[in-house]
Amino acid sequence: DVLRYVLDRPGTGTSALARELGLHASNVSTTVRGLVAQGLIRR
């Protein structure tokens, strides 16, 4: 979900991402950290 959203809206912020996907900010941060570690998202 996070990856698809970032692909559709590059440059989005984590708070907008959390709001749009209905996720807690802490969950989004954890997910983003994992996707960054996998080389799928960059900050």
PDB file of all heavy atoms in Angstrom:
ATOM      1  N   ASP A   1       0.830  -1.201   0.000  1.00  0.00           N
ATOM      2  CA  ASP A   1       0.000   0.000   0.000  1.00  0.00           C
ATOM      3  C   ASP A   1       0.867   1.254   0.000  1.00  0.00           C
ATOM      4  O   ASP A   1       0.633   2.193  -0.776  1.00  0.00           O
ATOM      5  CB  ASP A   1      -0.926   0.025   1.217  1.00  0.00           C
ATOM      6  CG  ASP A   1      -2.033  -1.006   1.162  1.00  0.00           C
ATOM      7  OD1 ASP A   1      -2.291  -1.560   0.068  1.00  0.00           O
ATOM      8  OD2 ASP A   1      -2.642  -1.258   2.216  1.00  0.00           O
ATOM      9  N   VAL A   2       1.872   1.284   0.875  1.00  0.00           N
ATOM     10  CA  VAL A   2       2.755   2.442   0.958  1.00  0.00           C
ATOM     11  C   VAL A   2       3.537   2.605  -0.341  1.00  0.00           C
ATOM     12  O   VAL A   2       3.624   3.707  -0.901  1.00  0.00           O
ATOM     13  CB  VAL A   2       3.699   2.321   2.178  1.00  0.00           C
ATOM     14  CG1 VAL A   2       4.827   3.347   2.113  1.00  0.00           C
ATOM     15  CG2 VAL A   2       2.908   2.467   3.476  1.00  0.00           C
ATOM     16  N   LEU A   3       4.064   1.526  -0.852  1.00  0.00           N
ATOM     17  CA  LEU A   3       4.846   1.586  -2.078  1.00  0.00           C
ATOM     18  C   LEU A   3       4.007   2.076  -3.254  1.00  0.00           C
ATOM     19  O   LEU A   3       4.432   2.948  -4.014  1.00  0.00           O
ATOM     20  CB  LEU A   3       5.444   0.211  -2.372  1.00  0.00           C
ATOM     21  CG  LEU A   3       6.537   0.145  -3.414  1.00  0.00           C
ATOM     22  CD1 LEU A   3       7.666   1.114  -3.111  1.00  0.00           C
ATOM     23  CD2 LEU A   3       7.060  -1.282  -3.501  1.00  0.00           C
ATOM     24  N   ARG A   4       2.803   1.541  -3.387  1.00  0.00           N
ATOM     25  CA  ARG A   4       1.913   1.973  -4.486  1.00  0.00           C
ATOM     26  C   ARG A   4       1.604   3.460  -4.369  1.00  0.00           C
ATOM     27  O   ARG A   4       1.601   4.192  -5.355  1.00  0.00           O
ATOM     28  CB  ARG A   4       0.620   1.147  -4.453  1.00  0.00           C
ATOM     29  CG  ARG A   4      -0.428   1.547  -5.471  1.00  0.00           C
ATOM     30  CD  ARG A   4      -0.136   1.014  -6.863  1.00  0.00           C
ATOM     31  NE  ARG A   4       0.658   1.967  -7.612  1.00  0.00           N
ATOM     32  CZ  ARG A   4       1.410   1.676  -8.669  1.00  0.00           C
ATOM     33  NH1 ARG A   4       1.504   0.468  -9.126  1.00  0.00           N
ATOM     34  NH2 ARG A   4       2.094   2.592  -9.285  1.00  0.00           N
ATOM     35  N   TYR A   5       1.350   3.920  -3.138  1.00  0.00           N
ATOM     36  CA  TYR A   5       1.026   5.336  -2.927  1.00  0.00           C
ATOM     37  C   TYR A   5       2.215   6.221  -3.299  1.00  0.00           C
ATOM     38  O   TYR A   5       2.051   7.235  -3.978  1.00  0.00           O
ATOM     39  CB  TYR A   5       0.607   5.573  -1.473  1.00  0.00           C
ATOM     40  CG  TYR A   5       0.025   6.946  -1.264  1.00  0.00           C
ATOM     41  CD1 TYR A   5      -1.319   7.191  -1.498  1.00  0.00           C
ATOM     42  CD2 TYR A   5       0.827   8.013  -0.865  1.00  0.00           C
ATOM     43  CE1 TYR A   5      -1.861   8.455  -1.322  1.00  0.00           C
ATOM     44  CE2 TYR A   5       0.292   9.280  -0.698  1.00  0.00           C
ATOM     45  CZ  TYR A   5      -1.046   9.494  -0.927  1.00  0.00           C
ATOM     46  OH  TYR A   5      -1.571  10.757  -0.771  1.00  0.00           O
ATOM     47  N   VAL A   6       3.404   5.844  -2.867  1.00  0.00           N
ATOM     48  CA  VAL A   6       4.596   6.645  -3.173  1.00  0.00           C
ATOM     49  C   VAL A   6       4.896   6.610  -4.672  1.00  0.00           C
ATOM     50  O   VAL A   6       5.320   7.617  -5.248  1.00  0.00           O
ATOM     51  CB  VAL A   6       5.800   6.181  -2.324  1.00  0.00           C
ATOM     52  CG1 VAL A   6       7.089   6.857  -2.761  1.00  0.00           C
ATOM     53  CG2 VAL A   6       5.536   6.456  -0.841  1.00  0.00           C
ATOM     54  N   LEU A   7       4.667   5.478  -5.315  1.00  0.00           N
ATOM     55  CA  LEU A   7       4.844   5.409  -6.766  1.00  0.00           C
ATOM     56  C   LEU A   7       3.861   6.339  -7.479  1.00  0.00           C
ATOM     57  O   LEU A   7       4.220   6.990  -8.461  1.00  0.00           O
ATOM     58  CB  LEU A   7       4.658   3.977  -7.268  1.00  0.00           C
ATOM     59  CG  LEU A   7       5.860   3.062  -7.064  1.00  0.00           C
ATOM     60  CD1 LEU A   7       5.431   1.594  -7.124  1.00  0.00           C
ATOM     61  CD2 LEU A   7       6.939   3.355  -8.091  1.00  0.00           C
ATOM     62  N   ASP A   8       2.630   6.411  -6.975  1.00  0.00           N
ATOM     63  CA  ASP A   8       1.607   7.256  -7.594  1.00  0.00           C
ATOM     64  C   ASP A   8       1.798   8.734  -7.280  1.00  0.00           C
ATOM     65  O   ASP A   8       1.387   9.594  -8.055  1.00  0.00           O
ATOM     66  CB  ASP A   8       0.207   6.834  -7.142  1.00  0.00           C
ATOM     67  CG  ASP A   8      -0.225   5.506  -7.724  1.00  0.00           C
ATOM     68  OD1 ASP A   8       0.378   5.046  -8.716  1.00  0.00           O
ATOM     69  OD2 ASP A   8      -1.171   4.903  -7.172  1.00  0.00           O
ATOM     70  N   ARG A   9       2.397   9.018  -6.114  1.00  0.00           N
ATOM     71  CA  ARG A   9       2.550  10.404  -5.665  1.00  0.00           C
ATOM     72  C   ARG A   9       3.955  10.639  -5.116  1.00  0.00           C
ATOM     73  O   ARG A   9       4.133  10.854  -3.916  1.00  0.00           O
ATOM     74  CB  ARG A   9       1.514  10.716  -4.588  1.00  0.00           C
ATOM     75  CG  ARG A   9       0.089  10.698  -5.125  1.00  0.00           C
ATOM     76  CD  ARG A   9      -0.915  10.637  -3.976  1.00  0.00           C
ATOM     77  NE  ARG A   9      -2.231  10.266  -4.421  1.00  0.00           N
ATOM     78  CZ  ARG A   9      -2.653   9.016  -4.621  1.00  0.00           C
ATOM     79  NH1 ARG A   9      -1.861   8.004  -4.415  1.00  0.00           N
ATOM     80  NH2 ARG A   9      -3.885   8.770  -5.023  1.00  0.00           N
ATOM     81  N   PRO A  10       4.964  10.606  -5.987  1.00  0.00           N
ATOM     82  CA  PRO A  10       6.325  10.825  -5.508  1.00  0.00           C
ATOM     83  C   PRO A  10       6.436  12.192  -4.839  1.00  0.00           C
ATOM     84  O   PRO A  10       5.822  13.158  -5.283  1.00  0.00           O
ATOM     85  CB  PRO A  10       7.181  10.774  -6.777  1.00  0.00           C
ATOM     86  CG  PRO A  10       6.278  10.484  -7.907  1.00  0.00           C
ATOM     87  CD  PRO A  10       4.877  10.438  -7.420  1.00  0.00           C
ATOM     88  N   GLY A  11       7.201  12.227  -3.765  1.00  0.00           N
ATOM     89  CA  GLY A  11       7.382  13.480  -3.037  1.00  0.00           C
ATOM     90  C   GLY A  11       6.418  13.643  -1.874  1.00  0.00           C
ATOM     91  O   GLY A  11       6.465  14.641  -1.163  1.00  0.00           O
ATOM     92  N   THR A  12       5.538  12.672  -1.677  1.00  0.00           N
ATOM     93  CA  THR A  12       4.601  12.748  -0.568  1.00  0.00           C
ATOM     94  C   THR A  12       5.360  12.675   0.754  1.00  0.00           C
ATOM     95  O   THR A  12       6.462  12.144   0.822  1.00  0.00           O
ATOM     96  CB  THR A  12       3.543  11.618  -0.650  1.00  0.00           C
ATOM     97  OG1 THR A  12       2.496  11.901   0.256  1.00  0.00           O
ATOM     98  CG2 THR A  12       4.149  10.268  -0.329  1.00  0.00           C
ATOM     99  N   GLY A  13       4.752  13.223   1.794  1.00  0.00           N
ATOM    100  CA  GLY A  13       5.328  13.151   3.129  1.00  0.00           C
ATOM    101  C   GLY A  13       4.699  12.024   3.923  1.00  0.00           C
ATOM    102  O   GLY A  13       3.657  11.478   3.541  1.00  0.00           O
ATOM    103  N   THR A  14       5.333  11.682   5.034  1.00  0.00           N
ATOM    104  CA  THR A  14       4.826  10.567   5.834  1.00  0.00           C
ATOM    105  C   THR A  14       3.483  10.868   6.471  1.00  0.00           C
ATOM    106  O   THR A  14       2.642   9.986   6.569  1.00  0.00           O
ATOM    107  CB  THR A  14       5.837  10.146   6.921  1.00  0.00           C
ATOM    108  OG1 THR A  14       6.177  11.287   7.705  1.00  0.00           O
ATOM    109  CG2 THR A  14       7.082   9.549   6.321  1.00  0.00           C
ATOM    110  N   SER A  15       3.244  12.112   6.895  1.00  0.00           N
ATOM    111  CA  SER A  15       1.948  12.400   7.523  1.00  0.00           C
ATOM    112  C   SER A  15       0.818  12.330   6.501  1.00  0.00           C
ATOM    113  O   SER A  15      -0.259  11.801   6.802  1.00  0.00           O
ATOM    114  CB  SER A  15       1.962  13.745   8.253  1.00  0.00           C
ATOM    115  OG  SER A  15       2.313  14.779   7.374  1.00  0.00           O
ATOM    116  N   ALA A  16       1.045  12.830   5.297  1.00  0.00           N
ATOM    117  CA  ALA A  16       0.023  12.725   4.242  1.00  0.00           C
ATOM    118  C   ALA A  16      -0.212  11.265   3.880  1.00  0.00           C
ATOM    119  O   ALA A  16      -1.353  10.841   3.668  1.00  0.00           O
ATOM    120  CB  ALA A  16       0.443  13.512   3.008  1.00  0.00           C
ATOM    121  N   LEU A  17       0.859  10.507   3.839  1.00  0.00           N
ATOM    122  CA  LEU A  17       0.765   9.081   3.538  1.00  0.00           C
ATOM    123  C   LEU A  17      -0.061   8.359   4.598  1.00  0.00           C
ATOM    124  O   LEU A  17      -0.960   7.579   4.274  1.00  0.00           O
ATOM    125  CB  LEU A  17       2.183   8.507   3.461  1.00  0.00           C
ATOM    126  CG  LEU A  17       2.368   7.041   3.152  1.00  0.00           C
ATOM    127  CD1 LEU A  17       1.770   6.673   1.815  1.00  0.00           C
ATOM    128  CD2 LEU A  17       3.853   6.722   3.148  1.00  0.00           C
ATOM    129  N   ALA A  18       0.214   8.630   5.865  1.00  0.00           N
ATOM    130  CA  ALA A  18      -0.533   7.998   6.956  1.00  0.00           C
ATOM    131  C   ALA A  18      -2.007   8.376   6.886  1.00  0.00           C
ATOM    132  O   ALA A  18      -2.887   7.524   7.017  1.00  0.00           O
ATOM    133  CB  ALA A  18       0.058   8.412   8.304  1.00  0.00           C
ATOM    134  N   ARG A  19      -2.273   9.641   6.647  1.00  0.00           N
ATOM    135  CA  ARG A  19      -3.660  10.115   6.580  1.00  0.00           C
ATOM    136  C   ARG A  19      -4.400   9.452   5.412  1.00  0.00           C
ATOM    137  O   ARG A  19      -5.505   8.948   5.565  1.00  0.00           O
ATOM    138  CB  ARG A  19      -3.660  11.641   6.442  1.00  0.00           C
ATOM    139  CG  ARG A  19      -4.992  12.302   6.543  1.00  0.00           C
ATOM    140  CD  ARG A  19      -4.897  13.836   6.536  1.00  0.00           C
ATOM    141  NE  ARG A  19      -4.048  14.380   5.488  1.00  0.00           N
ATOM    142  CZ  ARG A  19      -2.833  14.886   5.673  1.00  0.00           C
ATOM    143  NH1 ARG A  19      -2.289  14.916   6.866  1.00  0.00           N
ATOM    144  NH2 ARG A  19      -2.136  15.354   4.654  1.00  0.00           N
ATOM    145  N   GLU A  20      -3.775   9.433   4.252  1.00  0.00           N
ATOM    146  CA  GLU A  20      -4.420   8.879   3.056  1.00  0.00           C
ATOM    147  C   GLU A  20      -4.690   7.385   3.189  1.00  0.00           C
ATOM    148  O   GLU A  20      -5.723   6.897   2.752  1.00  0.00           O
ATOM    149  CB  GLU A  20      -3.542   9.138   1.832  1.00  0.00           C
ATOM    150  CG  GLU A  20      -4.108   8.607   0.542  1.00  0.00           C
ATOM    151  CD  GLU A  20      -5.405   9.270   0.092  1.00  0.00           C
ATOM    152  OE1 GLU A  20      -5.677  10.416   0.495  1.00  0.00           O
ATOM    153  OE2 GLU A  20      -6.163   8.621  -0.653  1.00  0.00           O
ATOM    154  N   LEU A  21      -3.747   6.652   3.797  1.00  0.00           N
ATOM    155  CA  LEU A  21      -3.908   5.206   3.915  1.00  0.00           C
ATOM    156  C   LEU A  21      -4.623   4.792   5.195  1.00  0.00           C
ATOM    157  O   LEU A  21      -4.891   3.606   5.393  1.00  0.00           O
ATOM    158  CB  LEU A  21      -2.545   4.518   3.827  1.00  0.00           C
ATOM    159  CG  LEU A  21      -1.815   4.675   2.496  1.00  0.00           C
ATOM    160  CD1 LEU A  21      -0.471   3.966   2.530  1.00  0.00           C
ATOM    161  CD2 LEU A  21      -2.662   4.185   1.332  1.00  0.00           C
ATOM    162  N   GLY A  22      -4.931   5.752   6.061  1.00  0.00           N
ATOM    163  CA  GLY A  22      -5.633   5.434   7.304  1.00  0.00           C
ATOM    164  C   GLY A  22      -4.775   4.639   8.269  1.00  0.00           C
ATOM    165  O   GLY A  22      -5.283   3.785   8.992  1.00  0.00           O
ATOM    166  N   LEU A  23      -3.470   4.916   8.276  1.00  0.00           N
ATOM    167  CA  LEU A  23      -2.537   4.210   9.149  1.00  0.00           C
ATOM    168  C   LEU A  23      -2.006   5.151  10.220  1.00  0.00           C
ATOM    169  O   LEU A  23      -1.983   6.364  10.034  1.00  0.00           O
ATOM    170  CB  LEU A  23      -1.362   3.660   8.336  1.00  0.00           C
ATOM    171  CG  LEU A  23      -1.698   2.670   7.223  1.00  0.00           C
ATOM    172  CD1 LEU A  23      -0.466   2.400   6.372  1.00  0.00           C
ATOM    173  CD2 LEU A  23      -2.245   1.382   7.809  1.00  0.00           C
ATOM    174  N   HIS A  24      -1.551   4.588  11.323  1.00  0.00           N
ATOM    175  CA  HIS A  24      -0.911   5.378  12.358  1.00  0.00           C
ATOM    176  C   HIS A  24       0.445   5.842  11.846  1.00  0.00           C
ATOM    177  O   HIS A  24       1.146   5.100  11.147  1.00  0.00           O
ATOM    178  CB  HIS A  24      -0.727   4.570  13.642  1.00  0.00           C
ATOM    179  CG  HIS A  24      -2.015   4.261  14.332  1.00  0.00           C
ATOM    180  ND1 HIS A  24      -2.686   5.191  15.082  1.00  0.00           N
ATOM    181  CD2 HIS A  24      -2.761   3.137  14.368  1.00  0.00           C
ATOM    182  CE1 HIS A  24      -3.789   4.649  15.559  1.00  0.00           C
ATOM    183  NE2 HIS A  24      -3.860   3.397  15.128  1.00  0.00           N
ATOM    184  N   ALA A  25       0.827   7.051  12.223  1.00  0.00           N
ATOM    185  CA  ALA A  25       2.103   7.611  11.776  1.00  0.00           C
ATOM    186  C   ALA A  25       3.270   6.705  12.153  1.00  0.00           C
ATOM    187  O   ALA A  25       4.214   6.537  11.365  1.00  0.00           O
ATOM    188  CB  ALA A  25       2.292   9.013  12.349  1.00  0.00           C
ATOM    189  N   SER A  26       3.217   6.102  13.342  1.00  0.00           N
ATOM    190  CA  SER A  26       4.320   5.230  13.758  1.00  0.00           C
ATOM    191  C   SER A  26       4.413   3.996  12.860  1.00  0.00           C
ATOM    192  O   SER A  26       5.514   3.532  12.539  1.00  0.00           O
ATOM    193  CB  SER A  26       4.162   4.816  15.220  1.00  0.00           C
ATOM    194  OG  SER A  26       2.964   4.088  15.401  1.00  0.00           O
ATOM    195  N   ASN A  27       3.265   3.462  12.440  1.00  0.00           N
ATOM    196  CA  ASN A  27       3.277   2.306  11.529  1.00  0.00           C
ATOM    197  C   ASN A  27       3.840   2.692  10.162  1.00  0.00           C
ATOM    198  O   ASN A  27       4.577   1.918   9.544  1.00  0.00           O
ATOM    199  CB  ASN A  27       1.882   1.718  11.375  1.00  0.00           C
ATOM    200  CG  ASN A  27       1.371   1.083  12.642  1.00  0.00           C
ATOM    201  OD1 ASN A  27       2.130   0.829  13.570  1.00  0.00           O
ATOM    202  ND2 ASN A  27       0.078   0.850  12.702  1.00  0.00           N
ATOM    203  N   VAL A  28       3.478   3.882   9.688  1.00  0.00           N
ATOM    204  CA  VAL A  28       3.994   4.353   8.407  1.00  0.00           C
ATOM    205  C   VAL A  28       5.506   4.538   8.503  1.00  0.00           C
ATOM    206  O   VAL A  28       6.251   4.129   7.607  1.00  0.00           O
ATOM    207  CB  VAL A  28       3.296   5.657   7.961  1.00  0.00           C
ATOM    208  CG1 VAL A  28       4.024   6.301   6.792  1.00  0.00           C
ATOM    209  CG2 VAL A  28       1.854   5.374   7.591  1.00  0.00           C
ATOM    210  N   SER A  29       5.978   5.118   9.598  1.00  0.00           N
ATOM    211  CA  SER A  29       7.422   5.321   9.770  1.00  0.00           C
ATOM    212  C   SER A  29       8.167   3.996   9.758  1.00  0.00           C
ATOM    213  O   SER A  29       9.221   3.867   9.111  1.00  0.00           O
ATOM    214  CB  SER A  29       7.703   6.061  11.077  1.00  0.00           C
ATOM    215  OG  SER A  29       7.193   7.361  11.006  1.00  0.00           O
ATOM    216  N   THR A  30       7.619   3.004  10.437  1.00  0.00           N
ATOM    217  CA  THR A  30       8.245   1.676  10.459  1.00  0.00           C
ATOM    218  C   THR A  30       8.258   1.067   9.063  1.00  0.00           C
ATOM    219  O   THR A  30       9.273   0.519   8.616  1.00  0.00           O
ATOM    220  CB  THR A  30       7.497   0.747  11.439  1.00  0.00           C
ATOM    221  OG1 THR A  30       7.549   1.337  12.742  1.00  0.00           O
ATOM    222  CG2 THR A  30       8.090  -0.640  11.466  1.00  0.00           C
ATOM    223  N   THR A  31       7.144   1.160   8.364  1.00  0.00           N
ATOM    224  CA  THR A  31       7.046   0.616   7.008  1.00  0.00           C
ATOM    225  C   THR A  31       8.024   1.317   6.080  1.00  0.00           C
ATOM    226  O   THR A  31       8.732   0.675   5.297  1.00  0.00           O
ATOM    227  CB  THR A  31       5.599   0.737   6.489  1.00  0.00           C
ATOM    228  OG1 THR A  31       4.745  -0.016   7.338  1.00  0.00           O
ATOM    229  CG2 THR A  31       5.478   0.227   5.061  1.00  0.00           C
ATOM    230  N   VAL A  32       8.077   2.645   6.169  1.00  0.00           N
ATOM    231  CA  VAL A  32       8.982   3.413   5.306  1.00  0.00           C
ATOM    232  C   VAL A  32      10.433   3.035   5.601  1.00  0.00           C
ATOM    233  O   VAL A  32      11.224   2.849   4.673  1.00  0.00           O
ATOM    234  CB  VAL A  32       8.738   4.930   5.469  1.00  0.00           C
ATOM    235  CG1 VAL A  32       9.877   5.740   4.856  1.00  0.00           C
ATOM    236  CG2 VAL A  32       7.400   5.313   4.844  1.00  0.00           C
ATOM    237  N   ARG A  33      10.790   2.902   6.872  1.00  0.00           N
ATOM    238  CA  ARG A  33      12.161   2.500   7.224  1.00  0.00           C
ATOM    239  C   ARG A  33      12.517   1.164   6.550  1.00  0.00           C
ATOM    240  O   ARG A  33      13.609   0.997   6.009  1.00  0.00           O
ATOM    241  CB  ARG A  33      12.325   2.375   8.738  1.00  0.00           C
ATOM    242  CG  ARG A  33      12.848   3.610   9.405  1.00  0.00           C
ATOM    243  CD  ARG A  33      13.312   3.372  10.829  1.00  0.00           C
ATOM    244  NE  ARG A  33      12.336   2.736  11.701  1.00  0.00           N
ATOM    245  CZ  ARG A  33      11.359   3.369  12.333  1.00  0.00           C
ATOM    246  NH1 ARG A  33      11.208   4.666  12.204  1.00  0.00           N
ATOM    247  NH2 ARG A  33      10.516   2.713  13.101  1.00  0.00           N
ATOM    248  N   GLY A  34      11.593   0.224   6.602  1.00  0.00           N
ATOM    249  CA  GLY A  34      11.832  -1.074   5.973  1.00  0.00           C
ATOM    250  C   GLY A  34      11.979  -0.963   4.471  1.00  0.00           C
ATOM    251  O   GLY A  34      12.852  -1.608   3.870  1.00  0.00           O
ATOM    252  N   LEU A  35      11.150  -0.145   3.830  1.00  0.00           N
ATOM    253  CA  LEU A  35      11.225   0.025   2.377  1.00  0.00           C
ATOM    254  C   LEU A  35      12.493   0.770   1.973  1.00  0.00           C
ATOM    255  O   LEU A  35      13.079   0.483   0.920  1.00  0.00           O
ATOM    256  CB  LEU A  35       9.970   0.735   1.857  1.00  0.00           C
ATOM    257  CG  LEU A  35       8.677  -0.083   1.966  1.00  0.00           C
ATOM    258  CD1 LEU A  35       7.459   0.790   1.666  1.00  0.00           C
ATOM    259  CD2 LEU A  35       8.711  -1.300   1.054  1.00  0.00           C
ATOM    260  N   VAL A  36      12.940   1.702   2.817  1.00  0.00           N
ATOM    261  CA  VAL A  36      14.218   2.384   2.563  1.00  0.00           C
ATOM    262  C   VAL A  36      15.355   1.371   2.666  1.00  0.00           C
ATOM    263  O   VAL A  36      16.240   1.323   1.807  1.00  0.00           O
ATOM    264  CB  VAL A  36      14.417   3.572   3.543  1.00  0.00           C
ATOM    265  CG1 VAL A  36      15.857   4.076   3.509  1.00  0.00           C
ATOM    266  CG2 VAL A  36      13.441   4.702   3.222  1.00  0.00           C
ATOM    267  N   ALA A  37      15.319   0.539   3.708  1.00  0.00           N
ATOM    268  CA  ALA A  37      16.372  -0.477   3.899  1.00  0.00           C
ATOM    269  C   ALA A  37      16.427  -1.461   2.731  1.00  0.00           C
ATOM    270  O   ALA A  37      17.504  -1.966   2.404  1.00  0.00           O
ATOM    271  CB  ALA A  37      16.147  -1.225   5.214  1.00  0.00           C
ATOM    272  N   GLN A  38      15.275  -1.707   2.098  1.00  0.00           N
ATOM    273  CA  GLN A  38      15.232  -2.624   0.946  1.00  0.00           C
ATOM    274  C   GLN A  38      15.588  -1.930  -0.362  1.00  0.00           C
ATOM    275  O   GLN A  38      15.610  -2.558  -1.420  1.00  0.00           O
ATOM    276  CB  GLN A  38      13.833  -3.243   0.821  1.00  0.00           C
ATOM    277  CG  GLN A  38      13.472  -4.165   1.958  1.00  0.00           C
ATOM    278  CD  GLN A  38      12.038  -4.653   1.812  1.00  0.00           C
ATOM    279  OE1 GLN A  38      11.715  -5.339   0.849  1.00  0.00           O
ATOM    280  NE2 GLN A  38      11.184  -4.295   2.761  1.00  0.00           N
ATOM    281  N   GLY A  39      15.816  -0.626  -0.299  1.00  0.00           N
ATOM    282  CA  GLY A  39      16.166   0.120  -1.504  1.00  0.00           C
ATOM    283  C   GLY A  39      14.987   0.411  -2.413  1.00  0.00           C
ATOM    284  O   GLY A  39      15.162   0.624  -3.611  1.00  0.00           O
ATOM    285  N   LEU A  40      13.780   0.450  -1.842  1.00  0.00           N
ATOM    286  CA  LEU A  40      12.576   0.689  -2.648  1.00  0.00           C
ATOM    287  C   LEU A  40      12.065   2.116  -2.550  1.00  0.00           C
ATOM    288  O   LEU A  40      11.352   2.590  -3.443  1.00  0.00           O
ATOM    289  CB  LEU A  40      11.476  -0.295  -2.241  1.00  0.00           C
ATOM    290  CG  LEU A  40      11.833  -1.768  -2.454  1.00  0.00           C
ATOM    291  CD1 LEU A  40      10.750  -2.678  -1.880  1.00  0.00           C
ATOM    292  CD2 LEU A  40      12.067  -2.057  -3.929  1.00  0.00           C
ATOM    293  N   ILE A  41      12.407   2.794  -1.471  1.00  0.00           N
ATOM    294  CA  ILE A  41      12.024   4.188  -1.262  1.00  0.00           C
ATOM    295  C   ILE A  41      13.259   4.938  -0.793  1.00  0.00           C
ATOM    296  O   ILE A  41      14.087   4.394  -0.064  1.00  0.00           O
ATOM    297  CB  ILE A  41      10.895   4.312  -0.207  1.00  0.00           C
ATOM    298  CG1 ILE A  41       9.574   3.784  -0.774  1.00  0.00           C
ATOM    299  CG2 ILE A  41      10.714   5.760   0.250  1.00  0.00           C
ATOM    300  CD1 ILE A  41       8.418   3.875   0.191  1.00  0.00           C
ATOM    301  N   ARG A  42      13.355   6.187  -1.212  1.00  0.00           N
ATOM    302  CA  ARG A  42      14.406   7.045  -0.679  1.00  0.00           C
ATOM    303  C   ARG A  42      13.763   8.283  -0.055  1.00  0.00           C
ATOM    304  O   ARG A  42      12.734   8.763  -0.520  1.00  0.00           O
ATOM    305  CB  ARG A  42      15.443   7.401  -1.742  1.00  0.00           C
ATOM    306  CG  ARG A  42      14.973   8.305  -2.811  1.00  0.00           C
ATOM    307  CD  ARG A  42      16.085   8.601  -3.847  1.00  0.00           C
ATOM    308  NE  ARG A  42      15.677   9.676  -4.704  1.00  0.00           N
ATOM    309  CZ  ARG A  42      14.829   9.572  -5.715  1.00  0.00           C
ATOM    310  NH1 ARG A  42      14.295   8.404  -6.002  1.00  0.00           N
ATOM    311  NH2 ARG A  42      14.503  10.619  -6.432  1.00  0.00           N
ATOM    312  N   ARG A  43      14.397   8.764   1.003  1.00  0.00           N
ATOM    313  CA  ARG A  43      13.941   9.980   1.690  1.00  0.00           C
ATOM    314  C   ARG A  43      14.777  11.153   1.188  1.00  0.00           C
ATOM    315  O   ARG A  43      15.985  11.034   1.060  1.00  0.00           O
ATOM    316  CB  ARG A  43      14.146   9.854   3.197  1.00  0.00           C
ATOM    317  CG  ARG A  43      13.290   8.875   3.882  1.00  0.00           C
ATOM    318  CD  ARG A  43      13.578   9.005   5.393  1.00  0.00           C
ATOM    319  NE  ARG A  43      12.827   8.055   6.152  1.00  0.00           N
ATOM    320  CZ  ARG A  43      13.337   6.969   6.725  1.00  0.00           C
ATOM    321  NH1 ARG A  43      14.619   6.715   6.626  1.00  0.00           N
ATOM    322  NH2 ARG A  43      12.576   6.155   7.402  1.00  0.00           N
TER     323      ARG A  43
END
